[in-house]
Amino acid sequence: QVQLVESGGGLVQPGGSLRLSCVASGFNFHYYAVGWFRQAPGKEREAVSCISPSDGSTYLPESLKGRFTVSRDDAKNTVYLQMDSLKPEDTAVYYCAAEPSSTTAYFHCAGYVTFQSWGQGTQVTVTS
């Protein structure tokens, strides 16, 4: 069974940083695209970042470029989301997801390929 466990969330002030981790088990992690998504109260879930082994690509929305960075360590079955210069609007539950990959990170994040396996989420709270 595919299992994903997020960690690293917490409470930070605006301008602070957090690094989220997503540890995967139960599958060959090397061949899976991994995405980070977030959902704030009253808002739809949105893609934060995706990374794909098909072409080694990463994707972030334009609004997050320069602040968030996604990376992966296949030897540790872990994907990281480094979040810098955090803003109050970044407050949300952050989820990681995984799906076998045959396309780019953009196509995964955009929903052309659906993530089927999800973690339970980790709370990120940025004070105003």
Protein backbone atom coordinates (compact mmCIF):
# COMPACT_ATOMS: atom_id res chain seq x y z
CA GLN A 1 0.00 0.00 0.00
CA VAL A 2 1.30 3.41 -0.95
CA GLN A 3 1.79 5.53 2.13
CA LEU A 4 2.80 9.17 2.38
CA VAL A 5 3.52 10.98 5.62
CA GLU A 6 4.01 14.73 5.79
CA SER A 7 5.83 16.54 8.55
CA GLY A 8 7.48 19.87 9.25
CA GLY A 9 4.50 22.15 9.57
CA GLY A 10 4.19 24.64 12.35
CA LEU A 11 3.59 28.21 13.40
CA VAL A 12 5.83 30.92 11.98
CA GLN A 13 5.82 34.67 11.60
CA PRO A 14 5.63 36.37 8.22
CA GLY A 15 9.00 36.19 6.54
CA GLY A 16 9.90 32.96 8.27
CA SER A 17 10.76 29.61 6.76
CA LEU A 18 9.67 26.01 7.06
CA ARG A 19 10.76 22.83 5.36
CA LEU A 20 8.10 20.21 4.85
CA SER A 21 8.97 16.57 4.32
CA CYS A 22 6.98 13.85 2.63
CA VAL A 23 8.22 10.35 3.33
CA ALA A 24 6.95 7.64 1.01
CA SER A 25 6.73 3.90 1.48
CA GLY A 26 5.15 0.91 -0.20
CA PHE A 27 6.13 1.67 -3.78
CA ASN A 28 9.06 2.38 -6.04
CA PHE A 29 9.43 6.03 -5.27
CA HIS A 30 11.88 6.68 -8.08
CA TYR A 31 9.17 6.35 -10.74
CA TYR A 32 6.55 8.52 -9.07
CA ALA A 33 5.77 12.15 -9.51
CA VAL A 34 5.13 13.92 -6.23
CA GLY A 35 3.04 17.00 -5.70
CA TRP A 36 2.50 19.40 -2.87
CA PHE A 37 -0.96 20.85 -2.46
CA ARG A 38 -2.52 23.10 0.11
CA GLN A 39 -6.01 23.88 1.28
CA ALA A 40 -6.99 26.83 3.42
CA PRO A 41 -10.33 27.12 5.22
CA GLY A 42 -13.06 28.08 2.79
CA LYS A 43 -10.83 27.75 -0.23
CA GLU A 44 -10.27 25.12 -2.88
CA ARG A 45 -7.26 22.90 -2.82
CA GLU A 46 -4.47 24.29 -4.95
CA ALA A 47 -1.25 22.93 -6.34
CA VAL A 48 1.88 24.29 -4.71
CA SER A 49 4.62 22.38 -6.47
CA CYS A 50 5.23 19.16 -8.35
CA ILE A 51 8.33 17.21 -9.25
CA SER A 52 8.54 14.50 -11.87
CA PRO A 53 11.22 11.90 -12.59
CA SER A 54 10.12 11.59 -16.23
CA ASP A 55 12.14 14.62 -17.23
CA GLY A 56 13.48 15.80 -13.90
CA SER A 57 11.25 18.83 -14.03
CA THR A 58 9.68 20.84 -11.25
CA TYR A 59 6.74 23.18 -11.31
CA LEU A 60 5.65 26.03 -9.11
CA PRO A 61 2.95 28.60 -9.72
CA GLU A 62 4.35 31.95 -10.70
CA SER A 63 3.23 33.44 -7.41
CA LEU A 64 5.40 31.03 -5.45
CA LYS A 65 8.56 31.14 -7.53
CA GLY A 66 11.43 32.51 -5.54
CA ARG A 67 9.84 31.54 -2.22
CA PHE A 68 9.12 27.81 -2.46
CA THR A 69 11.43 25.08 -3.70
CA VAL A 70 10.67 21.40 -4.17
CA SER A 71 13.33 18.70 -4.15
CA ARG A 72 13.55 14.96 -3.75
CA ASP A 73 15.94 12.44 -2.31
CA ASP A 74 15.13 9.06 -3.83
CA ALA A 75 17.57 7.27 -1.52
CA LYS A 76 15.46 8.44 1.42
CA ASN A 77 12.10 8.16 -0.36
CA THR A 78 11.51 11.75 0.60
CA VAL A 79 10.33 14.90 -1.11
CA TYR A 80 10.88 18.27 0.49
CA LEU A 81 9.15 21.58 0.19
CA GLN A 82 11.31 24.47 1.32
CA MET A 83 9.16 27.48 2.08
CA ASP A 84 10.82 30.84 2.56
CA SER A 85 9.48 34.36 3.01
CA LEU A 86 6.21 32.97 4.26
CA LYS A 87 3.12 35.12 4.14
CA PRO A 88 -0.14 34.91 6.07
CA GLU A 89 -1.89 33.78 2.91
CA ASP A 90 0.34 30.69 2.90
CA THR A 91 -1.56 29.42 5.92
CA ALA A 92 -3.13 26.09 5.01
CA VAL A 93 -2.95 22.36 5.45
CA TYR A 94 -0.25 21.09 3.14
CA TYR A 95 -0.57 17.67 1.54
CA CYS A 96 1.77 15.60 -0.53
CA ALA A 97 0.58 13.25 -3.22
CA ALA A 98 2.16 10.68 -5.50
CA GLU A 99 1.37 9.08 -8.84
CA PRO A 100 3.34 7.06 -11.38
CA SER A 101 4.86 9.56 -13.73
CA SER A 102 5.14 9.58 -17.49
CA THR A 103 4.97 13.30 -18.09
CA THR A 104 6.23 16.62 -16.81
CA ALA A 105 5.76 18.16 -13.41
CA TYR A 106 3.53 20.82 -14.93
CA PHE A 107 1.08 18.27 -16.32
CA HIS A 108 0.85 16.56 -12.95
CA CYS A 109 0.24 19.78 -11.08
CA ALA A 110 -2.22 21.07 -13.65
CA GLY A 111 -4.38 17.96 -13.28
CA TYR A 112 -3.78 16.33 -16.63
CA VAL A 113 -2.57 13.36 -14.63
CA THR A 114 -4.45 12.78 -11.40
CA PHE A 115 -2.70 12.10 -8.13
CA GLN A 116 -4.24 9.04 -6.50
CA SER A 117 -2.22 8.64 -3.30
CA TRP A 118 -2.35 11.32 -0.63
CA GLY A 119 -0.90 11.97 2.77
CA GLN A 120 -2.81 13.22 5.78
CA GLY A 121 -1.45 16.74 5.67
CA THR A 122 0.53 19.02 7.92
CA GLN A 123 -0.63 22.39 9.19
CA VAL A 124 1.28 25.53 8.28
CA THR A 125 0.23 28.69 10.07
CA VAL A 126 1.75 32.09 9.33
CA THR A 127 0.83 34.89 11.68
CA SER A 128 -0.34 38.23 10.39
